[in-house]
Amino acid sequence: MRFVIARDAAERFSFLPIQGDDGGRLASRLGIDRDAPETNAVVLGGIAYFKSDAAIQVLQRLPGWRWTACLDVVPRGLRDWFYDRIARNRYRLFGRSDVCLIPTRRPR
C-alpha cells in the first residue's frame, strides 16, 4: 500500500481495509474470508483481480512501471507462486511498521 500511495500522484487507487464496513462487504462479494484473507484484491472496471494479476494491474498503471504489463505472458501459476513467496516474507523483505497505515485523502 505504501509503495502504491507513494507513486500514485494521480490518485487512481483508493484502499479499503477489510475490517471496515465497506471493505467487509466488498470482501464478501468477492468471496474473500474476512477473518483469514489470503490476498489483496484489486477491482478495476468492475473486474476483480487477485494475487499476481492484481499486482500487475496496479503496477502497470503507475508512472514508470508500465513495463510490468509484459509479466502477463508468464503463466499465472508461476507468477502466483512468486507472489505467495514474496507475500509470505514481506516483513523480512520490506520491514514492518508498528502502526497500521490508514489511508486518507490527500489534500489537492
Foldseek 3Di string as FASTA:
>chain_A
DVVLVVQPPVPPDDDDQCPDPVNVVVCVVVVADSVDGDWDWDADPNDIDTFLRRVLVSQCPTPPRVVSVVVVVPDPVVSNVVSNVCVVCVCVVPNDDPDDDDDDDDDD
